[in-house]
């Protein structure tokens, strides 16, 4: 079951990680993407905007760049998403125009040159309607092994009310849409398969994707005595 972002899950995972290594090495828990201040998703206020039919990641929040870049090698064990609360008419509108009910999953991508990224792994897809208006945390059934420098992206095959808008021009996110496709938000561009390569050409300013991922970094081995 999804849990609150401050769930004892993280403490338990950190403890489990620490028990698996010598007592002199600590397992560090990092919330990738947790850059203050938090920004609430737009819905139900107007305009009620949603992420639609794409895979995206936060590129910049204020002066902080590489927001979703994995800082240390380790394992992603859970992800959290802040959801707006669209009304019944808004939900029906999105369902009818964007391929069905709201859902999302995390995707780990390996960035290459010319804004191209390849899918390394993905978490399980989650239906989001039961959690509108809250910030659920989804523990992964199987943790994902990740390397420093990879990126945690959010894949939305339909739509998700997980977009904060009206922010400063120094805040921006990228989507897996090619040149000339940035305004076509109904076209399906979500990365849904392992090893799939996509170009993240489109940069959207003044907006933020409202998700994070929980990383348990590999313990640092103590120096030899």
Protein backbone atom coordinates (compact mmCIF):
# COMPACT_ATOMS: atom_id res chain seq x y z
CA UNK A 1 0.00 0.00 0.00
CA UNK A 2 1.21 3.55 -0.69
CA UNK A 3 2.38 5.44 2.36
CA UNK A 4 2.93 9.01 3.43
CA UNK A 5 6.33 10.54 2.50
CA UNK A 6 7.28 10.52 6.19
CA UNK A 7 6.40 6.86 6.58
CA UNK A 8 8.46 4.55 8.84
CA UNK A 9 9.19 2.66 5.60
CA UNK A 10 12.28 4.75 4.94
CA UNK A 11 13.67 4.30 8.42
CA UNK A 12 13.11 0.55 8.15
CA UNK A 13 14.84 0.39 4.78
CA UNK A 14 17.77 2.37 6.06
CA UNK A 15 18.06 0.05 9.04
CA UNK A 16 17.91 -3.00 6.79
CA UNK A 17 20.62 -1.55 4.59
CA UNK A 18 22.82 -0.82 7.56
CA UNK A 19 22.44 -4.36 8.90
CA UNK A 20 23.62 -5.79 5.60
CA UNK A 21 27.07 -4.17 5.87
CA UNK A 22 29.73 -3.82 8.57
CA UNK A 23 28.79 -1.61 11.50
CA UNK A 24 31.43 0.92 10.48
CA UNK A 25 29.61 1.65 7.18
CA UNK A 26 26.30 3.55 7.13
CA UNK A 27 23.60 3.32 4.46
CA UNK A 28 22.69 6.86 3.42
CA UNK A 29 19.07 7.59 2.45
CA UNK A 30 18.66 10.37 -0.15
CA UNK A 31 15.39 11.77 -1.46
CA UNK A 32 16.26 12.56 -5.08
CA UNK A 33 14.40 15.64 -6.27
CA UNK A 34 13.54 17.03 -2.84
CA UNK A 35 14.53 20.64 -3.48
CA UNK A 36 12.80 23.20 -1.24
CA UNK A 37 10.45 24.90 -1.25
CA UNK A 38 7.82 22.32 -2.24
CA UNK A 39 5.38 23.33 -4.96
CA UNK A 40 1.78 22.01 -4.95
CA UNK A 41 0.24 20.58 -8.11
CA UNK A 42 -2.09 22.98 -9.91
CA UNK A 43 -5.46 21.19 -9.84
CA UNK A 44 -8.25 21.89 -9.03
CA UNK A 45 -7.46 25.59 -9.46
CA UNK A 46 -7.64 27.01 -12.95
CA UNK A 47 -5.83 26.37 -15.09
CA UNK A 48 -5.90 22.72 -14.00
CA UNK A 49 -2.90 21.40 -15.91
CA UNK A 50 -1.56 17.86 -16.00
CA UNK A 51 1.45 15.95 -17.27
CA UNK A 52 0.28 14.05 -20.34
CA UNK A 53 1.49 11.08 -22.40
CA UNK A 54 5.22 11.54 -21.94
CA UNK A 55 8.24 10.79 -19.78
CA UNK A 56 9.76 13.79 -18.06
CA UNK A 57 12.25 14.89 -15.46
CA UNK A 58 12.96 18.10 -13.60
CA UNK A 59 15.98 19.85 -15.09
CA UNK A 60 16.26 22.86 -12.78
CA UNK A 61 14.67 24.39 -9.68
CA UNK A 62 15.94 27.89 -9.02
CA UNK A 63 19.72 27.73 -8.84
CA UNK A 64 19.73 23.93 -8.47
CA UNK A 65 20.49 22.00 -11.65
CA UNK A 66 20.37 18.26 -12.25
CA UNK A 67 17.51 17.93 -9.78
CA UNK A 68 16.69 14.32 -10.67
CA UNK A 69 20.25 13.16 -11.36
CA UNK A 70 21.21 10.27 -9.08
CA UNK A 71 24.04 11.56 -6.84
CA UNK A 72 25.40 8.20 -5.69
CA UNK A 73 25.32 4.59 -6.81
CA UNK A 74 22.78 2.52 -4.88
CA UNK A 75 19.16 1.38 -5.08
CA UNK A 76 15.89 3.22 -5.65
CA UNK A 77 13.40 1.70 -3.21
CA UNK A 78 10.34 3.96 -3.47
CA UNK A 79 8.93 7.05 -5.11
CA UNK A 80 6.58 9.80 -4.01
CA UNK A 81 4.23 11.98 -6.04
CA UNK A 82 2.33 15.11 -5.05
CA UNK A 83 -1.09 15.01 -6.69
CA UNK A 84 -3.58 17.76 -7.33
CA UNK A 85 -7.27 17.13 -6.83
CA UNK A 86 -9.11 17.67 -10.13
CA UNK A 87 -12.88 17.75 -9.97
CA UNK A 88 -15.19 15.26 -11.63
CA UNK A 89 -15.55 17.28 -14.84
CA UNK A 90 -11.82 17.88 -15.07
CA UNK A 91 -11.09 14.19 -14.51
CA UNK A 92 -13.58 13.15 -17.19
CA UNK A 93 -12.06 15.68 -19.60
CA UNK A 94 -8.56 14.27 -19.15
CA UNK A 95 -9.72 10.64 -19.23
CA UNK A 96 -11.52 11.11 -22.52
CA UNK A 97 -8.77 13.04 -24.27
CA UNK A 98 -5.59 11.46 -22.95
CA UNK A 99 -6.13 7.73 -23.19
CA UNK A 100 -7.84 6.74 -19.96
CA UNK A 101 -7.48 6.95 -16.21
CA UNK A 102 -4.61 8.69 -14.50
CA UNK A 103 -1.48 6.59 -13.93
CA UNK A 104 2.28 6.95 -13.67
CA UNK A 105 5.49 5.10 -12.87
CA UNK A 106 9.13 6.00 -12.40
CA UNK A 107 11.66 5.36 -15.13
CA UNK A 108 15.43 5.29 -14.75
CA UNK A 109 17.17 6.73 -17.80
CA UNK A 110 20.79 6.92 -18.86
CA UNK A 111 21.45 10.32 -20.46
CA UNK A 112 23.46 10.34 -23.67
CA UNK A 113 24.57 13.10 -26.03
CA UNK A 114 22.26 15.50 -27.87
CA UNK A 115 19.56 15.29 -25.17
CA UNK A 116 18.94 11.60 -25.83
CA UNK A 117 18.32 9.15 -22.98
CA UNK A 118 17.90 5.38 -22.86
CA UNK A 119 15.58 3.49 -20.48
CA UNK A 120 17.50 1.41 -17.93
CA UNK A 121 14.62 0.22 -15.71
CA UNK A 122 11.10 1.09 -14.60
CA UNK A 123 8.95 0.75 -11.52
CA UNK A 124 5.46 -0.69 -11.52
CA UNK A 125 2.69 1.52 -12.98
CA UNK A 126 0.34 2.96 -10.36
CA UNK A 127 -3.25 4.14 -10.74
CA UNK A 128 -3.44 7.59 -9.21
CA UNK A 129 -7.17 8.39 -8.92
CA UNK A 130 -7.54 7.01 -5.35
CA UNK A 131 -4.80 9.38 -4.16
CA UNK A 132 -5.84 12.69 -5.75
CA UNK A 133 -5.30 15.55 -3.34
CA UNK A 134 -2.57 13.74 -1.39
CA UNK A 135 1.10 12.79 -1.60
CA UNK A 136 1.34 9.00 -1.73
CA UNK A 137 4.57 7.05 -1.57
CA UNK A 138 4.87 3.85 -3.60
CA UNK A 139 7.45 1.31 -2.39
CA UNK A 140 8.86 -0.68 -5.29
CA UNK A 141 8.16 -4.40 -5.34
CA UNK A 142 11.78 -4.89 -6.41
CA UNK A 143 14.30 -2.13 -5.78
CA UNK A 144 16.13 -0.75 -8.82
CA UNK A 145 19.91 -0.80 -8.95
CA UNK A 146 21.13 2.61 -10.17
CA UNK A 147 24.41 4.33 -10.94
CA UNK A 148 25.59 7.82 -10.16
CA UNK A 149 24.74 10.11 -13.08
CA UNK A 150 21.61 8.32 -14.22
CA UNK A 151 18.30 10.21 -13.98
CA UNK A 152 14.99 9.40 -12.29
CA UNK A 153 12.15 10.33 -14.65
CA UNK A 154 8.37 10.18 -14.35
CA UNK A 155 6.53 8.22 -17.04
CA UNK A 156 2.88 9.14 -17.62
CA UNK A 157 1.23 7.04 -20.37
CA UNK A 158 -2.10 8.82 -19.91
CA UNK A 159 -2.18 11.84 -17.58
CA UNK A 160 -1.30 12.82 -14.03
CA UNK A 161 -2.20 15.94 -11.97
CA UNK A 162 1.43 16.27 -10.91
CA UNK A 163 2.45 19.61 -12.35
CA UNK A 164 3.11 22.79 -10.39
CA UNK A 165 2.81 25.90 -12.56
CA UNK A 166 3.32 29.65 -12.35
CA UNK A 167 6.85 29.33 -10.96
CA UNK A 168 9.93 31.37 -11.84
CA UNK A 169 11.61 31.21 -15.23
CA UNK A 170 14.59 29.58 -13.52
CA UNK A 171 12.52 26.41 -12.94
CA UNK A 172 12.08 23.97 -15.84
CA UNK A 173 11.51 20.33 -16.79
CA UNK A 174 12.20 18.25 -19.90
CA UNK A 175 9.94 15.82 -21.76
CA UNK A 176 10.69 12.94 -24.13
CA UNK A 177 9.38 14.83 -27.13
CA UNK A 178 11.34 15.58 -30.27
CA UNK A 179 11.96 18.83 -32.08
CA UNK A 180 8.74 20.41 -33.32
CA UNK A 181 6.54 18.32 -30.98
CA UNK A 182 6.67 20.42 -27.81
CA UNK A 183 3.14 21.82 -28.18
CA UNK A 184 1.53 18.48 -29.05
CA UNK A 185 0.85 17.20 -25.54
CA UNK A 186 -1.67 14.59 -26.69
CA UNK A 187 0.84 12.67 -28.82
CA UNK A 188 2.05 9.51 -27.06
CA UNK A 189 5.77 9.91 -26.32
CA UNK A 190 6.07 8.07 -22.98
CA UNK A 191 9.05 5.72 -22.71
CA UNK A 192 7.51 2.36 -21.84
CA UNK A 193 10.13 -0.25 -22.79
CA UNK A 194 13.61 -1.23 -21.62
CA UNK A 195 16.46 0.11 -23.78
CA UNK A 196 14.11 2.52 -25.56
CA UNK A 197 15.93 5.66 -26.70
CA UNK A 198 14.20 9.04 -26.85
CA UNK A 199 15.17 12.64 -27.37
CA UNK A 200 14.35 15.03 -24.53
CA UNK A 201 14.28 18.11 -26.72
CA UNK A 202 11.35 19.95 -25.12
CA UNK A 203 12.04 22.21 -22.15
CA UNK A 204 9.10 23.67 -20.22
CA UNK A 205 9.82 26.67 -18.03
CA UNK A 206 7.96 28.01 -14.97
CA UNK A 207 6.70 24.52 -14.09
CA UNK A 208 7.74 21.62 -11.88
CA UNK A 209 6.98 17.91 -11.82
CA UNK A 210 5.87 17.03 -8.29
CA UNK A 211 7.66 13.73 -7.65
CA UNK A 212 10.74 12.43 -5.85
CA UNK A 213 12.49 9.07 -5.46
CA UNK A 214 14.08 7.42 -2.44
CA UNK A 215 17.65 6.27 -2.93
CA UNK A 216 19.61 4.09 -0.52
CA UNK A 217 23.21 4.77 -1.45
CA UNK A 218 25.83 2.06 -1.29
CA UNK A 219 27.71 2.21 2.01
CA UNK A 220 31.13 3.81 1.91
CA UNK A 221 33.75 1.29 2.87
CA UNK A 222 35.94 2.45 5.76
CA UNK A 223 39.61 3.00 4.93
CA UNK A 224 41.91 0.07 5.56
CA UNK A 225 43.66 0.20 8.89
